């Protein structure tokens, strides 16, 4: 079964993403709250795709995380970036950091589902 790692600091959003991934995409799910936790998880697992919030607590934000993933971990893993802070994080910056898809919050569940299903070949 496919595995998706989600990085989201708001519990309500993480729960929505988890339900969408496990119920609609029918993939396994691991959720973490910070970029640092994501890097720790990536040292242990190899997800098939990631969903990354751009505004994260801690030293690293989602843009930093994507740059590290692209440079040091996996240059080809599909990454979906999400943000509610479009005045600070925009699609051009997210794509430059390495995302393959970008959406604003509140996100459209059908679009997220369809994008993940396409990436995973489900």
PDB file of N, CA and C in Angstrom:
ATOM      1  N   UNK A   1       0.853  -1.181   0.000  1.00  0.00           N
ATOM      2  CA  UNK A   1       0.000   0.000   0.000  1.00  0.00           C
ATOM      3  C   UNK A   1       0.891   1.234   0.000  1.00  0.00           C
ATOM      4  N   UNK A   2       0.458   2.272  -0.688  1.00  0.00           N
ATOM      5  CA  UNK A   2       1.214   3.519  -0.754  1.00  0.00           C
ATOM      6  C   UNK A   2       1.244   4.192   0.618  1.00  0.00           C
ATOM      7  N   UNK A   3       2.304   4.944   0.862  1.00  0.00           N
ATOM      8  CA  UNK A   3       2.478   5.667   2.122  1.00  0.00           C
ATOM      9  C   UNK A   3       2.644   7.150   1.833  1.00  0.00           C
ATOM     10  N   UNK A   4       1.862   7.973   2.526  1.00  0.00           N
ATOM     11  CA  UNK A   4       1.956   9.426   2.381  1.00  0.00           C
ATOM     12  C   UNK A   4       2.309  10.023   3.734  1.00  0.00           C
ATOM     13  N   UNK A   5       3.333  10.866   3.734  1.00  0.00           N
ATOM     14  CA  UNK A   5       3.752  11.608   4.925  1.00  0.00           C
ATOM     15  C   UNK A   5       3.188  13.012   4.824  1.00  0.00           C
ATOM     16  N   UNK A   6       2.451  13.429   5.847  1.00  0.00           N
ATOM     17  CA  UNK A   6       1.883  14.773   5.890  1.00  0.00           C
ATOM     18  C   UNK A   6       2.547  15.562   7.007  1.00  0.00           C
ATOM     19  N   UNK A   7       2.857  16.822   6.709  1.00  0.00           N
ATOM     20  CA  UNK A   7       3.483  17.719   7.678  1.00  0.00           C
ATOM     21  C   UNK A   7       2.538  18.899   7.862  1.00  0.00           C
ATOM     22  N   UNK A   8       1.888  18.965   9.011  1.00  0.00           N
ATOM     23  CA  UNK A   8       0.856  19.969   9.283  1.00  0.00           C
ATOM     24  C   UNK A   8       0.785  20.192  10.783  1.00  0.00           C
ATOM     25  N   UNK A   9       0.897  21.440  11.220  1.00  0.00           N
ATOM     26  CA  UNK A   9       0.945  21.720  12.651  1.00  0.00           C
ATOM     27  C   UNK A   9      -0.429  21.903  13.292  1.00  0.00           C
ATOM     28  N   UNK A  10      -1.462  22.101  12.510  1.00  0.00           N
ATOM     29  CA  UNK A  10      -2.801  22.248  13.085  1.00  0.00           C
ATOM     30  C   UNK A  10      -3.503  20.898  13.098  1.00  0.00           C
ATOM     31  N   UNK A  11      -3.903  20.477  14.286  1.00  0.00           N
ATOM     32  CA  UNK A  11      -4.495  19.152  14.451  1.00  0.00           C
ATOM     33  C   UNK A  11      -5.739  18.955  13.591  1.00  0.00           C
ATOM     34  N   UNK A  12      -6.598  19.986  13.505  1.00  0.00           N
ATOM     35  CA  UNK A  12      -7.815  19.837  12.708  1.00  0.00           C
ATOM     36  C   UNK A  12      -7.493  19.609  11.234  1.00  0.00           C
ATOM     37  N   UNK A  13      -6.516  20.336  10.708  1.00  0.00           N
ATOM     38  CA  UNK A  13      -6.113  20.129   9.312  1.00  0.00           C
ATOM     39  C   UNK A  13      -5.462  18.768   9.117  1.00  0.00           C
ATOM     40  N   UNK A  14      -4.633  18.376  10.074  1.00  0.00           N
ATOM     41  CA  UNK A  14      -3.971  17.073   9.974  1.00  0.00           C
ATOM     42  C   UNK A  14      -5.004  15.944   9.971  1.00  0.00           C
ATOM     43  N   UNK A  15      -6.055  16.089  10.786  1.00  0.00           N
ATOM     44  CA  UNK A  15      -7.114  15.081  10.811  1.00  0.00           C
ATOM     45  C   UNK A  15      -7.870  15.027   9.483  1.00  0.00           C
ATOM     46  N   UNK A  16      -8.139  16.191   8.877  1.00  0.00           N
ATOM     47  CA  UNK A  16      -8.804  16.215   7.567  1.00  0.00           C
ATOM     48  C   UNK A  16      -7.945  15.537   6.506  1.00  0.00           C
ATOM     49  N   UNK A  17      -6.648  15.846   6.518  1.00  0.00           N
ATOM     50  CA  UNK A  17      -5.728  15.254   5.553  1.00  0.00           C
ATOM     51  C   UNK A  17      -5.634  13.739   5.774  1.00  0.00           C
ATOM     52  N   UNK A  18      -5.540  13.332   7.033  1.00  0.00           N
ATOM     53  CA  UNK A  18      -5.472  11.895   7.347  1.00  0.00           C
ATOM     54  C   UNK A  18      -6.703  11.165   6.831  1.00  0.00           C
ATOM     55  N   UNK A  19      -7.884  11.712   7.100  1.00  0.00           N
ATOM     56  CA  UNK A  19      -9.114  11.058   6.655  1.00  0.00           C
ATOM     57  C   UNK A  19      -9.177  10.977   5.132  1.00  0.00           C
ATOM     58  N   UNK A  20      -8.792  12.030   4.473  1.00  0.00           N
ATOM     59  CA  UNK A  20      -8.800  12.041   3.017  1.00  0.00           C
ATOM     60  C   UNK A  20      -7.853  10.971   2.466  1.00  0.00           C
ATOM     61  N   UNK A  21      -6.657  10.881   3.030  1.00  0.00           N
ATOM     62  CA  UNK A  21      -5.658   9.928   2.550  1.00  0.00           C
ATOM     63  C   UNK A  21      -6.066   8.489   2.856  1.00  0.00           C
ATOM     64  N   UNK A  22      -6.515   8.227   4.065  1.00  0.00           N
ATOM     65  CA  UNK A  22      -6.809   6.840   4.438  1.00  0.00           C
ATOM     66  C   UNK A  22      -8.135   6.345   3.869  1.00  0.00           C
ATOM     67  N   UNK A  23      -9.142   7.210   3.796  1.00  0.00           N
ATOM     68  CA  UNK A  23     -10.472   6.783   3.354  1.00  0.00           C
ATOM     69  C   UNK A  23     -10.637   6.920   1.841  1.00  0.00           C
ATOM     70  N   UNK A  24     -10.272   8.072   1.295  1.00  0.00           N
ATOM     71  CA  UNK A  24     -10.536   8.307  -0.129  1.00  0.00           C
ATOM     72  C   UNK A  24      -9.401   7.848  -1.039  1.00  0.00           C
ATOM     73  N   UNK A  25      -8.165   8.125  -0.638  1.00  0.00           N
ATOM     74  CA  UNK A  25      -7.029   7.700  -1.454  1.00  0.00           C
ATOM     75  C   UNK A  25      -6.715   6.229  -1.181  1.00  0.00           C
ATOM     76  N   UNK A  26      -7.062   5.760   0.001  1.00  0.00           N
ATOM     77  CA  UNK A  26      -6.802   4.385   0.444  1.00  0.00           C
ATOM     78  C   UNK A  26      -5.295   4.109   0.511  1.00  0.00           C
ATOM     79  N   UNK A  27      -4.592   5.049   1.151  1.00  0.00           N
ATOM     80  CA  UNK A  27      -3.152   4.920   1.353  1.00  0.00           C
ATOM     81  C   UNK A  27      -2.864   4.947   2.847  1.00  0.00           C
ATOM     82  N   UNK A  28      -1.687   4.467   3.214  1.00  0.00           N
ATOM     83  CA  UNK A  28      -1.234   4.583   4.596  1.00  0.00           C
ATOM     84  C   UNK A  28      -0.804   6.024   4.847  1.00  0.00           C
ATOM     85  N   UNK A  29      -0.866   6.417   6.112  1.00  0.00           N
ATOM     86  CA  UNK A  29      -0.655   7.820   6.480  1.00  0.00           C
ATOM     87  C   UNK A  29       0.242   7.916   7.702  1.00  0.00           C
ATOM     88  N   UNK A  30       1.187   8.820   7.638  1.00  0.00           N
ATOM     89  CA  UNK A  30       1.958   9.225   8.814  1.00  0.00           C
ATOM     90  C   UNK A  30       1.885  10.740   8.856  1.00  0.00           C
ATOM     91  N   UNK A  31       1.542  11.291  10.009  1.00  0.00           N
ATOM     92  CA  UNK A  31       1.446  12.735  10.175  1.00  0.00           C
ATOM     93  C   UNK A  31       2.408  13.236  11.225  1.00  0.00           C
ATOM     94  N   UNK A  32       3.073  14.335  10.931  1.00  0.00           N
ATOM     95  CA  UNK A  32       3.964  15.002  11.875  1.00  0.00           C
ATOM     96  C   UNK A  32       3.649  16.492  11.860  1.00  0.00           C
ATOM     97  N   UNK A  33       4.137  17.213  12.890  1.00  0.00           N
ATOM     98  CA  UNK A  33       3.764  18.610  13.046  1.00  0.00           C
ATOM     99  C   UNK A  33       4.837  19.610  12.630  1.00  0.00           C
ATOM    100  N   UNK A  34       6.079  19.195  12.500  1.00  0.00           N
ATOM    101  CA  UNK A  34       7.150  20.131  12.178  1.00  0.00           C
ATOM    102  C   UNK A  34       8.037  19.575  11.070  1.00  0.00           C
ATOM    103  N   UNK A  35       8.795  20.460  10.453  1.00  0.00           N
ATOM    104  CA  UNK A  35       9.763  20.033   9.432  1.00  0.00           C
ATOM    105  C   UNK A  35      10.837  19.152  10.057  1.00  0.00           C
ATOM    106  N   UNK A  36      11.226  19.479  11.274  1.00  0.00           N
ATOM    107  CA  UNK A  36      12.236  18.685  11.960  1.00  0.00           C
ATOM    108  C   UNK A  36      11.743  17.250  12.187  1.00  0.00           C
ATOM    109  N   UNK A  37      10.471  17.100  12.597  1.00  0.00           N
ATOM    110  CA  UNK A  37       9.901  15.768  12.773  1.00  0.00           C
ATOM    111  C   UNK A  37       9.811  15.036  11.440  1.00  0.00           C
ATOM    112  N   UNK A  38       9.532  15.765  10.378  1.00  0.00           N
ATOM    113  CA  UNK A  38       9.472  15.150   9.046  1.00  0.00           C
ATOM    114  C   UNK A  38      10.843  14.604   8.653  1.00  0.00           C
ATOM    115  N   UNK A  39      11.901  15.362   8.911  1.00  0.00           N
ATOM    116  CA  UNK A  39      13.246  14.891   8.578  1.00  0.00           C
ATOM    117  C   UNK A  39      13.610  13.648   9.390  1.00  0.00           C
ATOM    118  N   UNK A  40      13.205  13.617  10.662  1.00  0.00           N
ATOM    119  CA  UNK A  40      13.424  12.419  11.479  1.00  0.00           C
ATOM    120  C   UNK A  40      12.673  11.223  10.884  1.00  0.00           C
ATOM    121  N   UNK A  41      11.431  11.442  10.469  1.00  0.00           N
ATOM    122  CA  UNK A  41      10.645  10.358   9.879  1.00  0.00           C
ATOM    123  C   UNK A  41      11.274   9.887   8.572  1.00  0.00           C
ATOM    124  N   UNK A  42      11.764  10.820   7.771  1.00  0.00           N
ATOM    125  CA  UNK A  42      12.355  10.465   6.483  1.00  0.00           C
ATOM    126  C   UNK A  42      13.659   9.688   6.632  1.00  0.00           C
ATOM    127  N   UNK A  43      14.265   9.748   7.799  1.00  0.00           N
ATOM    128  CA  UNK A  43      15.452   8.932   8.051  1.00  0.00           C
ATOM    129  C   UNK A  43      15.067   7.466   8.257  1.00  0.00           C
ATOM    130  N   UNK A  44      13.790   7.220   8.567  1.00  0.00           N
ATOM    131  CA  UNK A  44      13.309   5.870   8.865  1.00  0.00           C
ATOM    132  C   UNK A  44      12.399   5.280   7.791  1.00  0.00           C
ATOM    133  N   UNK A  45      11.696   6.131   7.062  1.00  0.00           N
ATOM    134  CA  UNK A  45      10.703   5.651   6.091  1.00  0.00           C
ATOM    135  C   UNK A  45      10.960   6.277   4.724  1.00  0.00           C
ATOM    136  N   UNK A  46      10.358   5.683   3.714  1.00  0.00           N
ATOM    137  CA  UNK A  46      10.419   6.218   2.359  1.00  0.00           C
ATOM    138  C   UNK A  46       8.994   6.367   1.834  1.00  0.00           C
ATOM    139  N   UNK A  47       8.369   7.514   2.096  1.00  0.00           N
ATOM    140  CA  UNK A  47       6.987   7.682   1.624  1.00  0.00           C
ATOM    141  C   UNK A  47       6.937   7.778   0.101  1.00  0.00           C
ATOM    142  N   UNK A  48       5.766   7.481  -0.435  1.00  0.00           N
ATOM    143  CA  UNK A  48       5.548   7.577  -1.874  1.00  0.00           C
ATOM    144  C   UNK A  48       5.205   8.997  -2.300  1.00  0.00           C
ATOM    145  N   UNK A  49       4.750   9.815  -1.351  1.00  0.00           N
ATOM    146  CA  UNK A  49       4.410  11.212  -1.613  1.00  0.00           C
ATOM    147  C   UNK A  49       4.328  11.936  -0.277  1.00  0.00           C
ATOM    148  N   UNK A  50       4.345  13.268  -0.361  1.00  0.00           N
ATOM    149  CA  UNK A  50       4.225  14.089   0.849  1.00  0.00           C
ATOM    150  C   UNK A  50       3.230  15.212   0.620  1.00  0.00           C
ATOM    151  N   UNK A  51       2.586  15.618   1.723  1.00  0.00           N
ATOM    152  CA  UNK A  51       1.758  16.818   1.772  1.00  0.00           C
ATOM    153  C   UNK A  51       2.396  17.706   2.827  1.00  0.00           C
ATOM    154  N   UNK A  52       2.782  18.932   2.452  1.00  0.00           N
ATOM    155  CA  UNK A  52       3.562  19.800   3.344  1.00  0.00           C
ATOM    156  C   UNK A  52       2.893  21.156   3.495  1.00  0.00           C
ATOM    157  N   UNK A  53       2.555  21.497   4.734  1.00  0.00           N
ATOM    158  CA  UNK A  53       2.120  22.857   5.054  1.00  0.00           C
ATOM    159  C   UNK A  53       3.366  23.742   4.992  1.00  0.00           C
ATOM    160  N   UNK A  54       3.221  24.933   4.480  1.00  0.00           N
ATOM    161  CA  UNK A  54       4.402  25.793   4.341  1.00  0.00           C
ATOM    162  C   UNK A  54       4.720  26.569   5.615  1.00  0.00           C
ATOM    163  N   UNK A  55       3.713  26.939   6.383  1.00  0.00           N
ATOM    164  CA  UNK A  55       3.935  27.685   7.627  1.00  0.00           C
ATOM    165  C   UNK A  55       3.971  26.693   8.785  1.00  0.00           C
ATOM    166  N   UNK A  56       5.174  26.390   9.245  1.00  0.00           N
ATOM    167  CA  UNK A  56       5.353  25.396  10.305  1.00  0.00           C
ATOM    168  C   UNK A  56       6.112  26.001  11.479  1.00  0.00           C
ATOM    169  N   UNK A  57       5.849  25.523  12.702  1.00  0.00           N
ATOM    170  CA  UNK A  57       6.628  25.982  13.849  1.00  0.00           C
ATOM    171  C   UNK A  57       8.030  25.376  13.803  1.00  0.00           C
ATOM    172  N   UNK A  58       8.942  25.981  14.516  1.00  0.00           N
ATOM    173  CA  UNK A  58      10.299  25.443  14.574  1.00  0.00           C
ATOM    174  C   UNK A  58      11.269  26.261  13.739  1.00  0.00           C
ATOM    175  N   UNK A  59      12.467  25.750  13.615  1.00  0.00           N
ATOM    176  CA  UNK A  59      13.525  26.447  12.879  1.00  0.00           C
ATOM    177  C   UNK A  59      13.307  26.430  11.377  1.00  0.00           C
ATOM    178  N   UNK A  60      12.661  25.384  10.877  1.00  0.00           N
ATOM    179  CA  UNK A  60      12.482  25.209   9.439  1.00  0.00           C
ATOM    180  C   UNK A  60      11.009  25.346   9.066  1.00  0.00           C
ATOM    181  N   UNK A  61      10.740  26.001   7.943  1.00  0.00           N
ATOM    182  CA  UNK A  61       9.372  26.028   7.442  1.00  0.00           C
ATOM    183  C   UNK A  61       9.237  25.010   6.307  1.00  0.00           C
ATOM    184  N   UNK A  62       8.083  24.974   5.685  1.00  0.00           N
ATOM    185  CA  UNK A  62       7.854  24.008   4.624  1.00  0.00           C
ATOM    186  C   UNK A  62       8.748  24.214   3.415  1.00  0.00           C
ATOM    187  N   UNK A  63       9.082  25.468   3.103  1.00  0.00           N
ATOM    188  CA  UNK A  63       9.989  25.735   1.981  1.00  0.00           C
ATOM    189  C   UNK A  63      11.366  25.154   2.267  1.00  0.00           C
ATOM    190  N   UNK A  64      11.858  25.369   3.485  1.00  0.00           N
ATOM    191  CA  UNK A  64      13.158  24.798   3.881  1.00  0.00           C
ATOM    192  C   UNK A  64      13.125  23.278   3.776  1.00  0.00           C
ATOM    193  N   UNK A  65      12.050  22.678   4.261  1.00  0.00           N
ATOM    194  CA  UNK A  65      11.921  21.230   4.235  1.00  0.00           C
ATOM    195  C   UNK A  65      11.989  20.704   2.806  1.00  0.00           C
ATOM    196  N   UNK A  66      11.251  21.332   1.903  1.00  0.00           N
ATOM    197  CA  UNK A  66      11.252  20.858   0.516  1.00  0.00           C
ATOM    198  C   UNK A  66      12.631  21.001  -0.125  1.00  0.00           C
ATOM    199  N   UNK A  67      13.318  22.084   0.180  1.00  0.00           N
ATOM    200  CA  UNK A  67      14.675  22.258  -0.365  1.00  0.00           C
ATOM    201  C   UNK A  67      15.610  21.149   0.116  1.00  0.00           C
ATOM    202  N   UNK A  68      15.511  20.804   1.398  1.00  0.00           N
ATOM    203  CA  UNK A  68      16.348  19.735   1.959  1.00  0.00           C
ATOM    204  C   UNK A  68      15.995  18.400   1.319  1.00  0.00           C
ATOM    205  N   UNK A  69      14.718  18.121   1.181  1.00  0.00           N
ATOM    206  CA  UNK A  69      14.294  16.855   0.566  1.00  0.00           C
ATOM    207  C   UNK A  69      14.844  16.758  -0.851  1.00  0.00           C
ATOM    208  N   UNK A  70      14.685  17.805  -1.622  1.00  0.00           N
ATOM    209  CA  UNK A  70      15.145  17.789  -3.017  1.00  0.00           C
ATOM    210  C   UNK A  70      16.663  17.644  -3.118  1.00  0.00           C
ATOM    211  N   UNK A  71      17.400  18.290  -2.226  1.00  0.00           N
ATOM    212  CA  UNK A  71      18.867  18.282  -2.313  1.00  0.00           C
ATOM    213  C   UNK A  71      19.500  17.038  -1.705  1.00  0.00           C
ATOM    214  N   UNK A  72      18.900  16.511  -0.628  1.00  0.00           N
ATOM    215  CA  UNK A  72      19.602  15.475   0.139  1.00  0.00           C
ATOM    216  C   UNK A  72      18.872  14.157   0.301  1.00  0.00           C
ATOM    217  N   UNK A  73      17.565  14.121   0.045  1.00  0.00           N
ATOM    218  CA  UNK A  73      16.806  12.905   0.367  1.00  0.00           C
ATOM    219  C   UNK A  73      16.229  12.251  -0.880  1.00  0.00           C
ATOM    220  N   UNK A  74      15.398  12.963  -1.619  1.00  0.00           N
ATOM    221  CA  UNK A  74      14.758  12.376  -2.790  1.00  0.00           C
ATOM    222  C   UNK A  74      14.345  13.481  -3.757  1.00  0.00           C
ATOM    223  N   UNK A  75      15.076  13.633  -4.841  1.00  0.00           N
ATOM    224  CA  UNK A  75      14.754  14.707  -5.786  1.00  0.00           C
ATOM    225  C   UNK A  75      13.471  14.454  -6.575  1.00  0.00           C
ATOM    226  N   UNK A  76      12.914  13.241  -6.506  1.00  0.00           N
ATOM    227  CA  UNK A  76      11.771  12.891  -7.345  1.00  0.00           C
ATOM    228  C   UNK A  76      10.473  12.595  -6.606  1.00  0.00           C
ATOM    229  N   UNK A  77      10.488  12.561  -5.269  1.00  0.00           N
ATOM    230  CA  UNK A  77       9.266  12.260  -4.532  1.00  0.00           C
ATOM    231  C   UNK A  77       8.221  13.356  -4.775  1.00  0.00           C
ATOM    232  N   UNK A  78       6.989  12.991  -5.124  1.00  0.00           N
ATOM    233  CA  UNK A  78       5.951  14.001  -5.307  1.00  0.00           C
ATOM    234  C   UNK A  78       5.632  14.707  -3.986  1.00  0.00           C
ATOM    235  N   UNK A  79       5.614  16.046  -4.048  1.00  0.00           N
ATOM    236  CA  UNK A  79       5.319  16.852  -2.863  1.00  0.00           C
ATOM    237  C   UNK A  79       4.216  17.852  -3.199  1.00  0.00           C
ATOM    238  N   UNK A  80       3.178  17.841  -2.367  1.00  0.00           N
ATOM    239  CA  UNK A  80       2.101  18.820  -2.470  1.00  0.00           C
ATOM    240  C   UNK A  80       2.277  19.843  -1.356  1.00  0.00           C
ATOM    241  N   UNK A  81       2.345  21.118  -1.723  1.00  0.00           N
ATOM    242  CA  UNK A  81       2.470  22.193  -0.740  1.00  0.00           C
ATOM    243  C   UNK A  81       1.095  22.816  -0.498  1.00  0.00           C
ATOM    244  N   UNK A  82       0.838  23.168   0.774  1.00  0.00           N
ATOM    245  CA  UNK A  82      -0.419  23.815   1.163  1.00  0.00           C
ATOM    246  C   UNK A  82      -0.112  25.012   2.041  1.00  0.00           C
ATOM    247  N   UNK A  83      -0.925  26.060   1.906  1.00  0.00           N
ATOM    248  CA  UNK A  83      -0.778  27.185   2.820  1.00  0.00           C
ATOM    249  C   UNK A  83      -2.063  27.996   2.907  1.00  0.00           C
ATOM    250  N   UNK A  84      -2.277  28.579   4.065  1.00  0.00           N
ATOM    251  CA  UNK A  84      -3.340  29.555   4.246  1.00  0.00           C
ATOM    252  C   UNK A  84      -2.755  30.968   4.212  1.00  0.00           C
ATOM    253  N   UNK A  85      -1.438  31.068   4.300  1.00  0.00           N
ATOM    254  CA  UNK A  85      -0.755  32.362   4.372  1.00  0.00           C
ATOM    255  C   UNK A  85      -0.230  32.768   3.001  1.00  0.00           C
ATOM    256  N   UNK A  86      -1.148  33.035   2.083  1.00  0.00           N
ATOM    257  CA  UNK A  86      -0.742  33.312   0.708  1.00  0.00           C
ATOM    258  C   UNK A  86      -0.026  34.656   0.553  1.00  0.00           C
ATOM    259  N   UNK A  87      -0.153  35.532   1.538  1.00  0.00           N
ATOM    260  CA  UNK A  87       0.590  36.796   1.458  1.00  0.00           C
ATOM    261  C   UNK A  87       2.075  36.584   1.750  1.00  0.00           C
ATOM    262  N   UNK A  88       2.405  35.489   2.421  1.00  0.00           N
ATOM    263  CA  UNK A  88       3.806  35.191   2.750  1.00  0.00           C
ATOM    264  C   UNK A  88       4.361  34.070   1.880  1.00  0.00           C
ATOM    265  N   UNK A  89       3.546  33.069   1.616  1.00  0.00           N
ATOM    266  CA  UNK A  89       3.972  31.913   0.823  1.00  0.00           C
ATOM    267  C   UNK A  89       3.148  31.875  -0.457  1.00  0.00           C
ATOM    268  N   UNK A  90       3.809  31.948  -1.601  1.00  0.00           N
ATOM    269  CA  UNK A  90       3.064  31.887  -2.848  1.00  0.00           C
ATOM    270  C   UNK A  90       3.496  30.676  -3.664  1.00  0.00           C
ATOM    271  N   UNK A  91       2.750  30.429  -4.716  1.00  0.00           N
ATOM    272  CA  UNK A  91       3.008  29.246  -5.518  1.00  0.00           C
ATOM    273  C   UNK A  91       4.392  29.269  -6.162  1.00  0.00           C
ATOM    274  N   UNK A  92       4.823  30.425  -6.621  1.00  0.00           N
ATOM    275  CA  UNK A  92       6.143  30.504  -7.264  1.00  0.00           C
ATOM    276  C   UNK A  92       7.253  30.122  -6.284  1.00  0.00           C
ATOM    277  N   UNK A  93       7.173  30.604  -5.051  1.00  0.00           N
ATOM    278  CA  UNK A  93       8.186  30.258  -4.042  1.00  0.00           C
ATOM    279  C   UNK A  93       8.128  28.774  -3.708  1.00  0.00           C
ATOM    280  N   UNK A  94       6.920  28.230  -3.611  1.00  0.00           N
ATOM    281  CA  UNK A  94       6.771  26.809  -3.293  1.00  0.00           C
ATOM    282  C   UNK A  94       7.326  25.938  -4.420  1.00  0.00           C
ATOM    283  N   UNK A  95       7.049  26.299  -5.644  1.00  0.00           N
ATOM    284  CA  UNK A  95       7.562  25.517  -6.776  1.00  0.00           C
ATOM    285  C   UNK A  95       9.081  25.636  -6.874  1.00  0.00           C
ATOM    286  N   UNK A  96       9.609  26.813  -6.590  1.00  0.00           N
ATOM    287  CA  UNK A  96      11.071  26.988  -6.609  1.00  0.00           C
ATOM    288  C   UNK A  96      11.740  26.138  -5.532  1.00  0.00           C
ATOM    289  N   UNK A  97      11.037  25.927  -4.417  1.00  0.00           N
ATOM    290  CA  UNK A  97      11.581  25.110  -3.330  1.00  0.00           C
ATOM    291  C   UNK A  97      11.440  23.617  -3.613  1.00  0.00           C
ATOM    292  N   UNK A  98      10.599  23.257  -4.585  1.00  0.00           N
ATOM    293  CA  UNK A  98      10.539  21.857  -4.969  1.00  0.00           C
ATOM    294  C   UNK A  98       9.191  21.175  -4.958  1.00  0.00           C
ATOM    295  N   UNK A  99       8.102  21.901  -4.763  1.00  0.00           N
ATOM    296  CA  UNK A  99       6.813  21.197  -4.770  1.00  0.00           C
ATOM    297  C   UNK A  99       6.382  20.883  -6.196  1.00  0.00           C
ATOM    298  N   UNK A 100       5.575  19.850  -6.306  1.00  0.00           N
ATOM    299  CA  UNK A 100       5.016  19.436  -7.594  1.00  0.00           C
ATOM    300  C   UNK A 100       3.588  19.928  -7.776  1.00  0.00           C
ATOM    301  N   UNK A 101       2.930  20.247  -6.671  1.00  0.00           N
ATOM    302  CA  UNK A 101       1.557  20.754  -6.702  1.00  0.00           C
ATOM    303  C   UNK A 101       1.400  21.730  -5.545  1.00  0.00           C
ATOM    304  N   UNK A 102       0.531  22.716  -5.729  1.00  0.00           N
ATOM    305  CA  UNK A 102       0.340  23.761  -4.726  1.00  0.00           C
ATOM    306  C   UNK A 102      -1.150  24.028  -4.585  1.00  0.00           C
ATOM    307  N   UNK A 103      -1.602  24.185  -3.338  1.00  0.00           N
ATOM    308  CA  UNK A 103      -2.989  24.566  -3.103  1.00  0.00           C
ATOM    309  C   UNK A 103      -3.075  25.487  -1.894  1.00  0.00           C
ATOM    310  N   UNK A 104      -4.050  26.372  -1.952  1.00  0.00           N
ATOM    311  CA  UNK A 104      -4.328  27.244  -0.822  1.00  0.00           C
ATOM    312  C   UNK A 104      -5.321  26.557   0.099  1.00  0.00           C
ATOM    313  N   UNK A 105      -5.256  26.935   1.381  1.00  0.00           N
ATOM    314  CA  UNK A 105      -6.241  26.465   2.352  1.00  0.00           C
ATOM    315  C   UNK A 105      -7.328  27.525   2.462  1.00  0.00           C
ATOM    316  N   UNK A 106      -8.563  27.157   2.632  1.00  0.00           N
ATOM    317  CA  UNK A 106      -8.997  25.769   2.735  1.00  0.00           C
ATOM    318  C   UNK A 106      -8.857  25.070   1.382  1.00  0.00           C
ATOM    319  N   UNK A 107      -8.344  23.852   1.431  1.00  0.00           N
ATOM    320  CA  UNK A 107      -8.099  23.122   0.202  1.00  0.00           C
ATOM    321  C   UNK A 107      -9.365  22.410  -0.270  1.00  0.00           C
ATOM    322  N   UNK A 108      -9.372  22.088  -1.547  1.00  0.00           N
ATOM    323  CA  UNK A 108     -10.486  21.350  -2.137  1.00  0.00           C
ATOM    324  C   UNK A 108     -10.169  19.854  -2.043  1.00  0.00           C
ATOM    325  N   UNK A 109     -10.894  19.109  -1.198  1.00  0.00           N
ATOM    326  CA  UNK A 109     -10.573  17.697  -0.996  1.00  0.00           C
ATOM    327  C   UNK A 109     -10.520  16.881  -2.286  1.00  0.00           C
ATOM    328  N   UNK A 110     -11.432  17.133  -3.204  1.00  0.00           N
ATOM    329  CA  UNK A 110     -11.443  16.356  -4.447  1.00  0.00           C
ATOM    330  C   UNK A 110     -10.153  16.571  -5.241  1.00  0.00           C
ATOM    331  N   UNK A 111      -9.681  17.809  -5.315  1.00  0.00           N
ATOM    332  CA  UNK A 111      -8.440  18.101  -6.040  1.00  0.00           C
ATOM    333  C   UNK A 111      -7.246  17.421  -5.371  1.00  0.00           C
ATOM    334  N   UNK A 112      -7.187  17.497  -4.047  1.00  0.00           N
ATOM    335  CA  UNK A 112      -6.096  16.842  -3.320  1.00  0.00           C
ATOM    336  C   UNK A 112      -6.140  15.337  -3.564  1.00  0.00           C
ATOM    337  N   UNK A 113      -7.316  14.748  -3.411  1.00  0.00           N
ATOM    338  CA  UNK A 113      -7.470  13.314  -3.652  1.00  0.00           C
ATOM    339  C   UNK A 113      -7.055  12.936  -5.069  1.00  0.00           C
ATOM    340  N   UNK A 114      -7.577  13.650  -6.053  1.00  0.00           N
ATOM    341  CA  UNK A 114      -7.286  13.313  -7.448  1.00  0.00           C
ATOM    342  C   UNK A 114      -5.800  13.446  -7.758  1.00  0.00           C
ATOM    343  N   UNK A 115      -5.157  14.450  -7.208  1.00  0.00           N
ATOM    344  CA  UNK A 115      -3.727  14.647  -7.442  1.00  0.00           C
ATOM    345  C   UNK A 115      -2.927  13.504  -6.834  1.00  0.00           C
ATOM    346  N   UNK A 116      -3.232  13.143  -5.594  1.00  0.00           N
ATOM    347  CA  UNK A 116      -2.511  12.047  -4.941  1.00  0.00           C
ATOM    348  C   UNK A 116      -2.751  10.718  -5.650  1.00  0.00           C
ATOM    349  N   UNK A 117      -3.977  10.451  -6.038  1.00  0.00           N
ATOM    350  CA  UNK A 117      -4.300   9.214  -6.749  1.00  0.00           C
ATOM    351  C   UNK A 117      -3.516   9.143  -8.057  1.00  0.00           C
ATOM    352  N   UNK A 118      -3.453  10.251  -8.776  1.00  0.00           N
ATOM    353  CA  UNK A 118      -2.704  10.283 -10.033  1.00  0.00           C
ATOM    354  C   UNK A 118      -1.223  10.005  -9.781  1.00  0.00           C
ATOM    355  N   UNK A 119      -0.638  10.666  -8.792  1.00  0.00           N
ATOM    356  CA  UNK A 119       0.774  10.464  -8.478  1.00  0.00           C
ATOM    357  C   UNK A 119       1.082   9.009  -8.135  1.00  0.00           C
ATOM    358  N   UNK A 120       0.179   8.414  -7.372  1.00  0.00           N
ATOM    359  CA  UNK A 120       0.420   7.067  -6.858  1.00  0.00           C
ATOM    360  C   UNK A 120      -0.026   5.975  -7.821  1.00  0.00           C
ATOM    361  N   UNK A 121      -0.703   6.360  -8.895  1.00  0.00           N
ATOM    362  CA  UNK A 121      -1.168   5.381  -9.864  1.00  0.00           C
ATOM    363  C   UNK A 121      -2.242   4.469  -9.325  1.00  0.00           C
ATOM    364  N   UNK A 122      -3.087   5.010  -8.454  1.00  0.00           N
ATOM    365  CA  UNK A 122      -4.152   4.192  -7.823  1.00  0.00           C
ATOM    366  C   UNK A 122      -5.461   4.296  -8.606  1.00  0.00           C
TER     367      UNK A 122
END
